[in-house]
N, C-alpha and C. Protein backbone atom coordinates (compact mmCIF):
# COMPACT_ATOMS: atom_id res chain seq x y z
N UNK A 1 -13.15 15.50 14.18
CA UNK A 1 -13.14 15.06 12.83
C UNK A 1 -11.81 15.67 12.40
N UNK A 2 -11.11 14.76 11.67
CA UNK A 2 -9.72 14.92 11.14
C UNK A 2 -9.89 15.83 9.96
N UNK A 3 -8.91 16.80 9.91
CA UNK A 3 -8.86 17.64 8.76
C UNK A 3 -7.77 17.30 7.88
N UNK A 4 -7.81 17.00 6.66
CA UNK A 4 -6.72 16.42 5.89
C UNK A 4 -6.04 17.96 5.12
N UNK A 5 -4.71 17.91 5.00
CA UNK A 5 -4.15 19.06 4.37
C UNK A 5 -4.04 19.01 2.91
N UNK A 6 -3.79 19.93 2.05
CA UNK A 6 -3.53 19.84 0.64
C UNK A 6 -2.43 18.81 0.40
N UNK A 7 -1.57 18.80 1.27
CA UNK A 7 -0.33 17.84 0.98
C UNK A 7 -0.92 16.35 1.16
N UNK A 8 -1.86 16.08 2.09
CA UNK A 8 -2.42 14.80 2.17
C UNK A 8 -3.21 14.47 1.07
N UNK A 9 -3.85 15.50 0.33
CA UNK A 9 -4.67 15.14 -0.77
C UNK A 9 -3.88 14.65 -2.02
N UNK A 10 -2.79 15.62 -2.00
CA UNK A 10 -1.73 15.34 -3.14
C UNK A 10 -1.16 14.01 -3.22
N UNK A 11 -0.65 13.70 -1.93
CA UNK A 11 0.09 12.38 -1.76
C UNK A 11 -1.01 11.24 -1.87
N UNK A 12 -2.09 11.37 -1.73
CA UNK A 12 -2.95 10.36 -1.99
C UNK A 12 -3.29 10.12 -3.33
N UNK A 13 -3.14 11.25 -4.09
CA UNK A 13 -3.48 11.09 -5.74
C UNK A 13 -2.01 10.32 -6.07
N UNK A 14 -0.90 10.65 -5.56
CA UNK A 14 0.31 9.84 -6.02
C UNK A 14 0.23 8.52 -5.74
N UNK A 15 -0.41 8.20 -4.34
CA UNK A 15 -0.58 6.65 -4.33
C UNK A 15 -1.51 6.09 -5.36
N UNK A 16 -2.57 6.89 -5.51
CA UNK A 16 -3.48 6.30 -6.75
C UNK A 16 -2.84 6.08 -7.95
N UNK A 17 -1.82 7.03 -8.48
CA UNK A 17 -1.21 7.04 -9.49
C UNK A 17 -0.35 5.78 -9.52
N UNK A 18 0.46 5.61 -8.33
CA UNK A 18 1.31 4.19 -8.48
C UNK A 18 0.24 3.01 -8.52
N UNK A 19 -0.73 3.15 -8.00
CA UNK A 19 -1.62 1.86 -8.05
C UNK A 19 -1.91 1.32 -9.54
N UNK A 20 -1.89 2.24 -10.56
CA UNK A 20 -2.09 2.02 -11.99
C UNK A 20 -0.86 1.05 -12.60
N UNK A 21 0.16 0.99 -11.70
CA UNK A 21 1.27 0.17 -12.07
C UNK A 21 1.15 -1.28 -11.58
N UNK A 22 0.11 -1.60 -10.68
CA UNK A 22 0.09 -2.74 -9.84
C UNK A 22 -0.14 -3.83 -11.01
N UNK A 23 0.52 -5.10 -10.84
CA UNK A 23 0.38 -6.27 -11.65
C UNK A 23 -0.49 -7.28 -10.94
N UNK A 24 -1.17 -6.82 -10.12
CA UNK A 24 -2.16 -7.90 -9.53
C UNK A 24 -3.36 -7.97 -10.26
N UNK A 25 -4.02 -9.19 -10.50
CA UNK A 25 -5.10 -9.24 -11.45
C UNK A 25 -6.40 -9.08 -10.52
N UNK A 26 -6.34 -8.95 -9.26
CA UNK A 26 -7.47 -8.54 -8.43
C UNK A 26 -7.55 -7.16 -7.69
N UNK A 27 -6.40 -6.71 -7.28
CA UNK A 27 -6.35 -5.22 -6.61
C UNK A 27 -5.37 -4.48 -7.32
N UNK A 28 -5.57 -3.15 -7.54
CA UNK A 28 -4.62 -2.17 -7.88
C UNK A 28 -4.42 -1.28 -6.59
N UNK A 29 -3.29 -1.59 -5.95
CA UNK A 29 -3.07 -0.76 -4.85
C UNK A 29 -1.62 -0.05 -4.97
N UNK A 30 -1.64 1.28 -4.49
CA UNK A 30 -0.30 1.89 -4.56
C UNK A 30 -0.13 2.70 -3.15
N UNK A 31 1.08 2.93 -2.90
CA UNK A 31 1.49 3.51 -1.43
C UNK A 31 2.64 4.35 -1.70
N UNK A 32 2.75 5.42 -0.87
CA UNK A 32 3.98 6.28 -0.76
C UNK A 32 4.33 6.54 0.68
N UNK A 33 5.46 6.63 0.96
CA UNK A 33 5.95 6.89 2.31
C UNK A 33 6.39 8.26 2.12
N UNK A 34 5.93 9.27 3.02
CA UNK A 34 6.28 10.60 2.80
C UNK A 34 6.77 11.25 4.13
N UNK A 35 7.82 12.07 3.92
CA UNK A 35 8.46 12.74 5.41
C UNK A 35 7.43 13.91 5.75
N UNK A 36 7.63 14.33 6.92
CA UNK A 36 6.75 15.42 7.46
C UNK A 36 7.06 16.66 6.56
N UNK A 37 7.98 16.69 5.97
CA UNK A 37 8.39 17.95 4.92
C UNK A 37 7.80 17.66 3.54
N UNK A 38 7.14 16.44 3.59
CA UNK A 38 6.59 16.23 2.05
C UNK A 38 7.30 15.62 1.04
N UNK A 39 8.53 15.07 1.43
CA UNK A 39 9.46 14.34 0.52
C UNK A 39 9.15 12.92 0.44
N UNK A 40 8.99 12.15 -0.75
CA UNK A 40 8.62 10.86 -0.98
C UNK A 40 9.97 10.16 -0.68
N UNK A 41 9.82 9.18 0.21
CA UNK A 41 10.95 8.34 0.62
C UNK A 41 10.96 7.10 -0.11
N UNK A 42 9.67 6.54 -0.38
CA UNK A 42 9.55 5.22 -0.91
C UNK A 42 8.00 5.24 -1.70
N UNK A 43 7.87 4.19 -2.53
CA UNK A 43 6.69 4.09 -3.29
C UNK A 43 6.64 2.54 -3.48
N UNK A 44 5.43 2.21 -3.80
CA UNK A 44 5.24 0.75 -4.10
C UNK A 44 3.97 0.57 -4.65
N UNK A 45 3.87 -0.48 -5.10
CA UNK A 45 2.39 -1.10 -5.71
C UNK A 45 2.33 -2.65 -5.57
N UNK A 46 1.04 -3.05 -5.70
CA UNK A 46 1.02 -4.70 -5.62
C UNK A 46 1.77 -5.21 -7.12
N UNK A 47 2.78 -6.09 -6.54
CA UNK A 47 3.35 -6.87 -7.54
C UNK A 47 3.96 -8.15 -7.11
N UNK A 48 4.04 -9.14 -7.92
CA UNK A 48 4.89 -10.27 -7.45
C UNK A 48 6.45 -9.94 -7.21
N UNK A 49 7.07 -10.63 -6.49
CA UNK A 49 8.56 -10.39 -6.24
C UNK A 49 9.27 -10.59 -7.57
N UNK A 50 10.62 -10.31 -7.62
CA UNK A 50 11.14 -10.43 -9.00
C UNK A 50 11.47 -12.09 -9.07
N UNK A 51 11.22 -12.92 -8.20
CA UNK A 51 11.68 -14.18 -8.21
C UNK A 51 10.39 -15.04 -8.95
N UNK A 52 9.05 -14.24 -9.06
CA UNK A 52 7.96 -14.81 -9.74
C UNK A 52 7.67 -14.34 -10.87
N UNK A 53 6.91 -14.94 -11.74
CA UNK A 53 6.08 -14.41 -13.02
C UNK A 53 5.01 -13.50 -12.45
N UNK A 54 4.95 -12.25 -13.04
CA UNK A 54 3.77 -11.50 -12.68
C UNK A 54 2.60 -12.09 -12.63
N UNK A 55 1.71 -11.53 -11.90
CA UNK A 55 0.16 -12.00 -11.83
C UNK A 55 -0.47 -12.05 -13.18
N UNK A 56 -0.48 -10.75 -13.72
CA UNK A 56 -0.99 -10.40 -15.03
C UNK A 56 -0.31 -11.31 -16.12
N UNK A 57 0.72 -11.97 -15.86
CA UNK A 57 1.31 -12.89 -16.77
C UNK A 57 1.01 -14.38 -16.47
N UNK A 58 0.18 -14.70 -15.54
CA UNK A 58 -0.34 -15.89 -15.18
C UNK A 58 0.53 -16.55 -14.03
N UNK A 59 1.35 -15.82 -13.28
CA UNK A 59 2.28 -16.33 -12.33
C UNK A 59 1.58 -16.61 -11.04
N UNK A 60 0.30 -16.18 -10.81
CA UNK A 60 -0.26 -16.28 -9.35
C UNK A 60 -1.52 -17.20 -9.50
N UNK A 61 -1.41 -18.33 -8.68
CA UNK A 61 -2.55 -19.17 -8.74
C UNK A 61 -3.84 -18.39 -8.35
N UNK A 62 -3.93 -17.50 -7.40
CA UNK A 62 -5.10 -16.85 -7.19
C UNK A 62 -5.64 -15.97 -8.15
N UNK A 63 -4.60 -15.31 -8.90
CA UNK A 63 -4.98 -14.45 -9.94
C UNK A 63 -5.68 -15.06 -11.11
N UNK A 64 -5.70 -16.59 -11.12
CA UNK A 64 -6.30 -17.35 -12.23
C UNK A 64 -7.68 -17.45 -11.91
N UNK A 65 -8.13 -17.29 -10.54
CA UNK A 65 -9.49 -17.42 -10.22
C UNK A 65 -10.22 -16.34 -10.30
N UNK A 66 -11.66 -16.33 -10.25
CA UNK A 66 -12.73 -15.16 -10.20
C UNK A 66 -12.43 -14.62 -9.06
N UNK A 67 -12.75 -13.17 -9.07
CA UNK A 67 -12.57 -12.40 -7.74
C UNK A 67 -13.37 -12.82 -6.78
N UNK A 68 -12.76 -12.77 -5.61
CA UNK A 68 -13.46 -13.30 -4.45
C UNK A 68 -13.36 -14.85 -4.14
N UNK A 69 -12.59 -15.48 -4.83
CA UNK A 69 -12.33 -17.10 -4.71
C UNK A 69 -10.86 -17.08 -4.50
N UNK A 70 -10.55 -18.14 -3.60
CA UNK A 70 -9.18 -18.40 -3.38
C UNK A 70 -9.09 -18.75 -1.91
N UNK A 71 -8.05 -19.07 -1.29
CA UNK A 71 -7.69 -19.28 0.05
C UNK A 71 -8.06 -18.17 0.91
N UNK A 72 -8.76 -18.47 2.18
CA UNK A 72 -9.07 -17.20 2.92
C UNK A 72 -7.97 -16.42 3.43
N UNK A 73 -6.86 -17.13 3.76
CA UNK A 73 -5.68 -16.62 4.26
C UNK A 73 -4.64 -16.12 3.17
N UNK A 74 -5.20 -15.93 1.86
CA UNK A 74 -4.29 -15.49 0.81
C UNK A 74 -3.02 -16.22 0.52
N UNK A 75 -2.94 -17.61 0.98
CA UNK A 75 -1.82 -18.35 0.91
C UNK A 75 -1.55 -18.88 -0.58
N UNK A 76 -2.35 -18.56 -1.22
CA UNK A 76 -2.35 -18.74 -2.84
C UNK A 76 -1.88 -17.55 -3.51
N UNK A 77 -1.71 -16.59 -3.12
CA UNK A 77 -1.39 -15.19 -3.61
C UNK A 77 0.01 -14.97 -3.63
N UNK A 78 0.74 -14.53 -4.65
CA UNK A 78 2.27 -14.34 -4.51
C UNK A 78 2.64 -12.71 -4.66
N UNK A 79 1.48 -11.94 -4.75
CA UNK A 79 1.81 -10.48 -4.54
C UNK A 79 2.38 -9.98 -3.28
N UNK A 80 3.45 -9.14 -3.47
CA UNK A 80 3.95 -8.28 -2.38
C UNK A 80 3.09 -7.04 -2.22
N UNK A 81 2.49 -6.89 -1.01
CA UNK A 81 1.66 -5.67 -1.04
C UNK A 81 2.29 -4.16 -1.30
N UNK A 82 1.59 -3.29 -1.88
CA UNK A 82 2.22 -1.94 -2.08
C UNK A 82 2.97 -1.24 -0.94
N UNK A 83 2.22 -1.52 0.32
CA UNK A 83 2.76 -0.95 1.55
C UNK A 83 3.99 -1.45 2.08
N UNK A 84 4.17 -2.60 1.82
CA UNK A 84 5.48 -3.44 2.19
C UNK A 84 6.39 -2.91 0.96
N UNK A 85 6.30 -2.95 -0.20
CA UNK A 85 7.18 -2.46 -1.22
C UNK A 85 7.63 -0.95 -0.85
N UNK A 86 6.68 -0.01 -0.49
CA UNK A 86 6.98 1.27 -0.28
C UNK A 86 7.87 1.33 1.04
N UNK A 87 7.38 0.65 2.08
CA UNK A 87 8.28 0.70 3.36
C UNK A 87 9.78 0.03 3.04
N UNK A 88 9.68 -1.00 2.47
CA UNK A 88 11.07 -1.53 1.98
C UNK A 88 11.82 -0.58 1.39
N UNK A 89 11.43 0.18 0.45
CA UNK A 89 12.19 1.12 -0.24
C UNK A 89 12.76 2.26 0.55
N UNK A 90 11.95 2.68 1.39
CA UNK A 90 12.26 3.74 2.38
C UNK A 90 13.16 3.36 3.40
N UNK A 91 13.01 2.10 3.97
CA UNK A 91 13.85 1.61 4.91
C UNK A 91 13.41 2.25 6.23
N UNK A 92 13.66 1.52 7.41
CA UNK A 92 13.19 1.75 8.70
C UNK A 92 13.82 3.37 8.97
N UNK A 93 14.84 3.84 8.80
CA UNK A 93 15.41 5.06 9.20
C UNK A 93 14.61 6.06 8.45
N UNK A 94 14.13 5.97 7.29
CA UNK A 94 13.32 6.99 6.65
C UNK A 94 11.78 6.99 7.04
N UNK A 95 11.43 5.84 7.36
CA UNK A 95 10.07 5.72 7.93
C UNK A 95 9.68 6.16 9.09
N UNK A 96 10.78 6.28 10.05
CA UNK A 96 10.58 6.94 11.43
C UNK A 96 10.04 8.31 11.17
N UNK A 97 8.75 8.27 11.74
CA UNK A 97 7.89 9.62 11.87
C UNK A 97 7.30 10.19 10.54
N UNK A 98 7.40 9.18 9.52
CA UNK A 98 6.78 9.68 8.39
C UNK A 98 5.45 9.24 8.23
N UNK A 99 4.77 9.27 7.16
CA UNK A 99 3.38 8.96 6.88
C UNK A 99 3.28 8.07 5.80
N UNK A 100 2.58 7.05 5.92
CA UNK A 100 2.24 6.25 4.54
C UNK A 100 0.85 6.52 4.09
N UNK A 101 0.90 6.86 2.77
CA UNK A 101 -0.45 7.03 1.96
C UNK A 101 -0.70 5.77 1.12
N UNK A 102 -1.81 5.29 1.26
CA UNK A 102 -2.35 4.10 0.40
C UNK A 102 -3.74 4.22 -0.02
N UNK A 103 -4.02 3.91 -1.27
CA UNK A 103 -5.28 4.19 -1.89
C UNK A 103 -6.29 3.00 -1.58
N UNK A 104 -6.12 2.20 -0.47
CA UNK A 104 -6.84 1.13 0.02
C UNK A 104 -6.50 0.89 1.46
N UNK A 105 -7.52 0.55 2.32
CA UNK A 105 -7.25 0.20 3.66
C UNK A 105 -6.22 -0.77 3.72
N UNK A 106 -5.32 -0.79 4.71
CA UNK A 106 -4.10 -1.81 4.72
C UNK A 106 -4.80 -2.99 5.37
N UNK A 107 -4.28 -4.23 5.06
CA UNK A 107 -4.66 -5.42 5.74
C UNK A 107 -4.00 -5.59 6.99
N UNK A 108 -4.54 -6.49 7.91
CA UNK A 108 -3.66 -6.81 9.13
C UNK A 108 -2.04 -6.86 9.20
N UNK A 109 -1.75 -7.50 8.20
CA UNK A 109 -0.27 -7.84 8.16
C UNK A 109 0.51 -6.47 7.80
N UNK A 110 -0.13 -5.46 7.01
CA UNK A 110 0.47 -4.19 6.53
C UNK A 110 0.40 -3.40 7.89
N UNK A 111 -0.73 -3.50 8.45
CA UNK A 111 -0.75 -2.47 9.65
C UNK A 111 0.38 -2.75 10.58
N UNK A 112 0.76 -4.04 10.77
CA UNK A 112 1.80 -4.52 11.68
C UNK A 112 3.24 -4.16 11.18
N UNK A 113 3.32 -4.28 9.81
CA UNK A 113 4.79 -3.86 9.10
C UNK A 113 4.82 -2.27 9.34
N UNK A 114 3.58 -1.47 9.01
CA UNK A 114 3.73 0.01 9.07
C UNK A 114 4.03 0.39 10.54
N UNK A 115 3.39 -0.01 11.48
CA UNK A 115 3.75 0.20 12.94
C UNK A 115 5.18 -0.18 13.40
N UNK A 116 5.69 -1.37 13.09
CA UNK A 116 6.82 -1.87 13.25
C UNK A 116 8.02 -0.98 12.65
N UNK A 117 7.81 -0.43 11.47
CA UNK A 117 8.76 0.50 10.75
C UNK A 117 8.85 1.58 11.34
N UNK A 118 8.18 2.35 12.31
CA UNK A 118 8.31 3.41 12.75
C UNK A 118 7.32 4.50 12.20
N UNK A 119 6.55 4.35 11.43
CA UNK A 119 5.73 5.23 10.71
C UNK A 119 5.02 5.92 11.71
N UNK A 120 4.61 7.19 11.61
CA UNK A 120 3.81 7.89 12.63
C UNK A 120 2.35 7.71 12.25
N UNK A 121 2.05 7.61 10.96
CA UNK A 121 0.57 7.49 10.52
C UNK A 121 0.44 6.93 9.34
N UNK A 122 -0.82 6.50 9.17
CA UNK A 122 -1.13 5.90 7.86
C UNK A 122 -2.46 6.63 7.36
N UNK A 123 -2.58 7.09 6.12
CA UNK A 123 -3.78 7.74 5.70
C UNK A 123 -4.19 6.70 4.27
N UNK A 124 -5.49 6.50 4.38
CA UNK A 124 -6.14 5.71 3.24
C UNK A 124 -7.22 6.19 2.93
N UNK A 125 -7.84 5.89 1.89
CA UNK A 125 -9.13 6.16 1.47
C UNK A 125 -10.07 4.95 1.63
N UNK A 126 -11.37 5.39 2.09
CA UNK A 126 -12.18 4.28 2.60
C UNK A 126 -12.79 3.77 1.58
N UNK A 127 -13.86 2.67 1.78
CA UNK A 127 -14.49 1.82 0.64
C UNK A 127 -15.15 2.60 -0.52
N UNK A 128 -15.55 3.74 -0.27
CA UNK A 128 -16.41 4.37 -1.13
C UNK A 128 -15.43 5.20 -2.13
N UNK A 129 -14.02 5.08 -1.77
CA UNK A 129 -13.14 5.74 -2.74
C UNK A 129 -12.71 7.13 -2.67
N UNK A 130 -13.50 7.94 -1.57
CA UNK A 130 -13.58 9.40 -1.81
C UNK A 130 -13.06 9.99 -0.44
N UNK A 131 -13.40 9.33 0.67
CA UNK A 131 -13.06 9.95 1.99
C UNK A 131 -11.89 9.34 2.51
N UNK A 132 -10.73 10.44 3.03
CA UNK A 132 -9.64 9.97 3.70
C UNK A 132 -9.97 9.46 5.08
N UNK A 133 -9.08 8.45 5.56
CA UNK A 133 -9.27 8.20 6.81
C UNK A 133 -7.78 8.16 7.48
N UNK A 134 -7.40 8.10 8.74
CA UNK A 134 -6.22 8.06 9.14
C UNK A 134 -6.02 7.19 10.42
N UNK A 135 -4.96 6.70 10.77
CA UNK A 135 -4.74 5.84 11.91
C UNK A 135 -3.36 6.59 12.33
N UNK A 136 -2.98 6.94 13.69
CA UNK A 136 -1.78 7.25 14.10
C UNK A 136 -1.34 6.19 15.00
N UNK A 137 -0.04 6.18 15.07
CA UNK A 137 0.84 5.12 15.90
C UNK A 137 1.45 6.05 17.12
N UNK A 138 1.28 5.52 18.38
CA UNK A 138 1.94 6.20 19.46
C UNK A 138 3.21 5.81 19.60
């Protein structure tokens, strides 16, 4: 069983706090990239790119639909995921060996982006919203 440190708990709360800034009408997700020394290199939350009107302002076709409706591949969603925004802010050089904390399990694409950026591990909260989980990259 994995034991999570007090730093893990605090950084997960930081990710949760960033999720409150999300402008997606369906999911509030926040993420932070943190060095082994506990320094935050990058942060992000679900939001449309600067080239689009925010989801909360009616800019997303999927956001206008009831929860659970829309294209299965999310092709009708304009949101840039929190994980991608945090990794983009940190950049590959600062991600290398760092941990990504996210208040929701990453999607398949975000897993690939996280691994490709050089992150050492990802910590997220399971579906019940209380237990931390982790995945390490070799």
